[in-house]
Amino acid sequence: VLEKTGLNKDDIDFFEINEAFASQALYSIRHLAIPVEKVNVHGGAIAIGHPLGCTGARQVATGLNIAKQYGARVFVTSMCIGSGMGMAAVFVSEE
């Protein structure tokens, strides 16, 4: 998603990664060299939960809340879809 938007990791204030499985999230964070202090600032799906069918809504609501609390602006959400697929989105808080 960063490549498609012309952004890089340094442009992102924080990442909301749905880590349904901790090993997958840790691998991705390490492989992409994302600073861990920028990942799941208030905890992720293992800590907060990811209600069936509501993962995206939970991530966006959490992300907008974090952006407001910390004065952040740009954040990325990512989640698995199943069967090895996944998706990510970039959000900009205008508040």
Protein backbone atom coordinates (compact mmCIF):
# COMPACT_ATOMS: atom_id res chain seq x y z
CA VAL A 1 0.00 0.00 0.00
CA LEU A 2 2.94 2.33 0.65
CA GLU A 3 4.28 1.73 -2.83
CA LYS A 4 0.87 2.45 -4.38
CA THR A 5 0.52 5.72 -2.43
CA GLY A 6 4.11 6.87 -2.92
CA LEU A 7 4.74 6.83 0.83
CA ASN A 8 7.47 5.14 2.85
CA LYS A 9 7.64 3.87 6.44
CA ASP A 10 8.97 7.19 7.68
CA ASP A 11 5.83 8.97 6.42
CA ILE A 12 3.61 6.81 8.64
CA ASP A 13 3.01 7.89 12.23
CA PHE A 14 1.81 4.46 13.39
CA PHE A 15 0.56 1.07 12.17
CA GLU A 16 -2.54 -0.81 13.30
CA ILE A 17 -1.76 -4.43 12.45
CA ASN A 18 -4.39 -7.07 13.09
CA GLU A 19 -2.23 -9.77 14.61
CA ALA A 20 -4.67 -12.65 14.82
CA PHE A 21 -1.53 -14.77 15.10
CA ALA A 22 1.44 -13.16 16.89
CA SER A 23 4.03 -15.04 14.84
CA GLN A 24 2.67 -13.66 11.56
CA ALA A 25 2.68 -10.09 12.88
CA LEU A 26 6.19 -10.39 14.32
CA TYR A 27 7.49 -11.80 11.05
CA SER A 28 5.91 -8.95 9.07
CA ILE A 29 7.19 -6.26 11.45
CA ARG A 30 10.72 -7.67 11.28
CA HIS A 31 10.68 -8.38 7.54
CA LEU A 32 9.46 -4.86 6.73
CA ALA A 33 11.66 -3.30 9.44
CA ILE A 34 8.76 -1.37 10.97
CA PRO A 35 9.78 0.28 14.26
CA VAL A 36 7.95 -1.68 16.98
CA GLU A 37 7.11 1.51 18.89
CA LYS A 38 4.92 2.49 15.92
CA VAL A 39 2.93 -0.77 15.93
CA ASN A 40 -0.39 -1.26 17.75
CA VAL A 41 0.15 1.68 20.09
CA HIS A 42 -2.77 0.68 22.35
CA GLY A 43 -2.44 -3.05 21.77
CA GLY A 44 -3.70 -5.09 18.87
CA ALA A 45 -6.22 -7.79 18.19
CA ILE A 46 -4.73 -10.16 20.74
CA ALA A 47 -5.11 -7.53 23.49
CA ILE A 48 -8.23 -5.67 22.30
CA GLY A 49 -9.95 -8.31 20.19
CA HIS A 50 -11.14 -8.38 16.62
CA PRO A 51 -14.88 -9.03 16.42
CA LEU A 52 -15.87 -11.23 13.51
CA GLY A 53 -16.69 -9.00 10.56
CA CYS A 54 -15.64 -5.83 12.38
CA THR A 55 -11.84 -5.94 12.28
CA GLY A 56 -11.56 -3.06 9.82
CA ALA A 57 -14.03 -0.88 11.70
CA ARG A 58 -12.23 -1.58 14.98
CA GLN A 59 -8.86 -0.73 13.45
CA VAL A 60 -10.05 2.53 11.89
CA ALA A 61 -11.84 3.65 15.06
CA THR A 62 -8.76 2.79 17.15
CA GLY A 63 -6.48 4.50 14.65
CA LEU A 64 -8.50 7.72 14.59
CA ASN A 65 -8.57 7.74 18.39
CA ILE A 66 -4.79 7.28 18.59
CA ALA A 67 -4.25 9.99 15.98
CA LYS A 68 -6.35 12.42 18.03
CA GLN A 69 -4.68 11.50 21.33
CA TYR A 70 -1.11 11.82 20.07
CA GLY A 71 -1.49 14.45 17.38
CA ALA A 72 -0.63 11.90 14.68
CA ARG A 73 -1.89 12.25 11.16
CA VAL A 74 -1.07 9.33 8.84
CA PHE A 75 -1.59 5.69 9.80
CA VAL A 76 -1.79 2.30 8.15
CA THR A 77 -4.13 -0.56 8.97
CA SER A 78 -3.52 -4.10 7.82
CA MET A 79 -5.34 -7.36 8.31
CA CYS A 80 -5.37 -10.92 7.13
CA ILE A 81 -8.25 -12.13 5.04
CA GLY A 82 -7.59 -15.85 5.18
CA SER A 83 -5.86 -18.38 2.95
CA GLY A 84 -2.70 -16.27 3.05
CA MET A 85 -4.28 -13.13 1.70
CA GLY A 86 -4.26 -9.71 3.35
CA MET A 87 -4.97 -6.08 2.76
CA ALA A 88 -3.80 -2.71 4.00
CA ALA A 89 -5.06 0.86 3.86
CA VAL A 90 -3.62 4.30 4.53
CA PHE A 91 -5.68 6.81 6.50
CA VAL A 92 -5.12 10.50 7.09
CA SER A 93 -6.70 12.09 10.14
CA GLU A 94 -7.78 15.61 9.29
CA GLU A 95 -8.59 16.58 12.85
